[in-house]
Amino acid sequence: PLGWGPHWDLKRYPDPAGMVKELKSLDMHFMISVWSKFDEKTNFYQEMSSKGWLLGGSNVYDAWNPSARELFYNFSKAAHFSIGVDALWLDATEPEDLPNMNTHTYAGTGNYLMNSYSLMT
C-alpha cells in the first residue's frame, strides 16, 4: 500500500480520472477525504521532510507555513482538482496525535496555536 498522502492507489483505483468523469456524467459531485499527514514512503513526505516542513519530527505538515500549505495544495491540485474532484474533506485536522503540541511551528508555539490548525490547512 502507498500509505497516507494526497494520491491515488492505482491498484485500487486504476483510472481515477475516468471514475470521476463517470460519476459526473450521473450528475454527481465528488469529494475525497485527505489527511494532512504523509507516509514516509511517499514523495510528499520526502519533499516536506527535506524542507523541514513537518511538525516536530512527525509525519504531519506545518500548516502555518505558507510554502508548506502551497505545496500541500499543489499535491491536491495535481492528484484531485486536475481530474475534476469537486472538494476535499480534510480529515484529522486536529491534527491527530497532536504533533504541534510542545513544538515550534512556522508561526510560533504549537501550544499557543493549537486550535487554529484546521483553519490553516
Protein backbone atom coordinates (compact mmCIF):
# COMPACT_ATOMS: atom_id res chain seq x y z
CA PRO A 1 0.00 0.00 0.00
CA LEU A 2 1.01 3.56 -0.65
CA GLY A 3 0.31 4.87 2.82
CA TRP A 4 -1.02 8.30 3.76
CA GLY A 5 -0.77 11.11 1.24
CA PRO A 6 -2.87 13.05 -1.27
CA HIS A 7 -2.50 10.49 -4.04
CA TRP A 8 -4.42 7.63 -5.61
CA ASP A 9 -3.61 3.97 -5.07
CA LEU A 10 -3.72 2.89 -8.70
CA LYS A 11 -4.10 -0.77 -7.68
CA ARG A 12 -7.44 0.10 -6.09
CA TYR A 13 -8.38 2.96 -8.39
CA PRO A 14 -6.75 2.21 -11.75
CA ASP A 15 -8.44 5.15 -13.51
CA PRO A 16 -9.32 7.90 -11.02
CA ALA A 17 -9.98 10.46 -13.75
CA GLY A 18 -12.34 8.05 -15.52
CA MET A 19 -14.12 7.29 -12.25
CA VAL A 20 -14.68 10.98 -11.50
CA LYS A 21 -15.83 11.60 -15.07
CA GLU A 22 -18.32 8.74 -14.89
CA LEU A 23 -19.73 9.98 -11.58
CA LYS A 24 -20.13 13.49 -13.01
CA SER A 25 -21.96 12.02 -16.00
CA LEU A 26 -24.52 10.80 -13.46
CA ASP A 27 -24.90 14.37 -12.11
CA MET A 28 -22.91 13.53 -9.02
CA HIS A 29 -20.30 15.65 -7.30
CA PHE A 30 -17.19 14.06 -5.87
CA MET A 31 -15.47 14.87 -2.58
CA ILE A 32 -12.46 12.93 -1.36
CA SER A 33 -11.10 12.66 2.17
CA VAL A 34 -7.43 13.52 2.56
CA TRP A 35 -5.27 13.91 5.64
CA SER A 36 -2.52 16.41 6.31
CA LYS A 37 -0.07 13.68 7.17
CA PHE A 38 2.12 11.63 4.88
CA ASP A 39 3.56 8.14 4.94
CA GLU A 40 7.37 8.11 4.97
CA LYS A 41 7.34 6.09 1.72
CA THR A 42 5.67 8.86 -0.27
CA ASN A 43 7.38 11.57 -2.27
CA PHE A 44 5.10 14.04 -0.46
CA TYR A 45 6.64 13.10 2.90
CA GLN A 46 10.15 13.18 1.48
CA GLU A 47 9.67 16.63 -0.01
CA MET A 48 8.04 18.08 3.11
CA SER A 49 10.70 16.48 5.31
CA SER A 50 13.62 17.67 3.18
CA LYS A 51 12.37 21.25 3.52
CA GLY A 52 11.81 20.97 7.28
CA TRP A 53 8.05 21.45 6.91
CA LEU A 54 6.89 18.62 9.21
CA LEU A 55 5.82 19.24 12.79
CA GLY A 56 8.22 18.10 15.48
CA GLY A 57 9.59 15.02 13.73
CA SER A 58 6.08 13.78 12.88
CA ASN A 59 4.54 12.97 9.52
CA VAL A 60 2.14 15.97 9.71
CA TYR A 61 2.97 19.11 7.77
CA ASP A 62 3.27 22.58 9.30
CA ALA A 63 0.08 24.19 8.03
CA TRP A 64 1.16 27.58 9.42
CA ASN A 65 3.98 27.67 6.88
CA PRO A 66 2.64 29.34 3.70
CA SER A 67 5.11 27.46 1.48
CA ALA A 68 4.11 24.11 3.03
CA ARG A 69 0.42 24.96 2.53
CA GLU A 70 1.09 25.83 -1.09
CA LEU A 71 2.90 22.53 -1.62
CA PHE A 72 0.03 20.62 0.04
CA TYR A 73 -2.43 22.43 -2.23
CA ASN A 74 -0.29 21.67 -5.28
CA PHE A 75 -0.24 17.97 -4.35
CA SER A 76 -4.03 18.04 -4.06
CA LYS A 77 -4.43 20.05 -7.24
CA ALA A 78 -2.34 17.59 -9.24
CA ALA A 79 -3.98 14.47 -7.79
CA HIS A 80 -7.56 15.66 -7.39
CA PHE A 81 -8.67 19.00 -8.76
CA SER A 82 -6.95 18.44 -12.10
CA ILE A 83 -9.17 15.38 -12.74
CA GLY A 84 -12.42 17.01 -11.68
CA VAL A 85 -12.68 16.30 -7.95
CA ASP A 86 -15.02 18.97 -6.57
CA ALA A 87 -13.89 19.19 -2.96
CA LEU A 88 -11.55 17.87 -0.32
CA TRP A 89 -12.67 16.75 3.09
CA LEU A 90 -9.64 17.50 5.24
CA ASP A 91 -9.77 14.81 7.87
CA ALA A 92 -7.68 14.75 11.06
CA THR A 93 -7.19 18.50 11.11
CA GLU A 94 -6.81 18.49 14.89
CA PRO A 95 -4.12 17.24 13.89
CA GLU A 96 -4.25 13.64 15.02
CA ASP A 97 -1.91 12.76 17.90
CA LEU A 98 -1.18 16.50 18.43
CA PRO A 99 2.29 16.73 16.81
CA ASN A 100 2.03 20.50 17.20
CA MET A 101 1.98 20.23 20.99
CA ASN A 102 5.17 21.42 22.71
CA THR A 103 6.87 22.15 19.39
CA HIS A 104 7.75 25.18 17.33
CA THR A 105 5.77 25.90 14.16
CA TYR A 106 6.34 28.44 11.42
CA ALA A 107 4.04 30.91 13.21
CA GLY A 108 5.01 30.27 16.84
CA THR A 109 4.47 27.67 19.52
CA GLY A 110 2.16 24.80 18.72
CA ASN A 111 0.52 25.09 22.13
CA TYR A 112 -0.43 28.73 21.52
CA LEU A 113 -1.74 27.94 18.03
CA MET A 114 -3.40 24.63 18.96
CA ASN A 115 -6.93 25.16 17.68
CA SER A 116 -6.01 27.09 14.55
CA TYR A 117 -4.54 24.12 12.63
CA SER A 118 -7.79 23.27 10.85
CA LEU A 119 -8.20 26.90 9.78
CA MET A 120 -4.76 26.91 8.17
CA THR A 121 -4.87 23.59 6.31
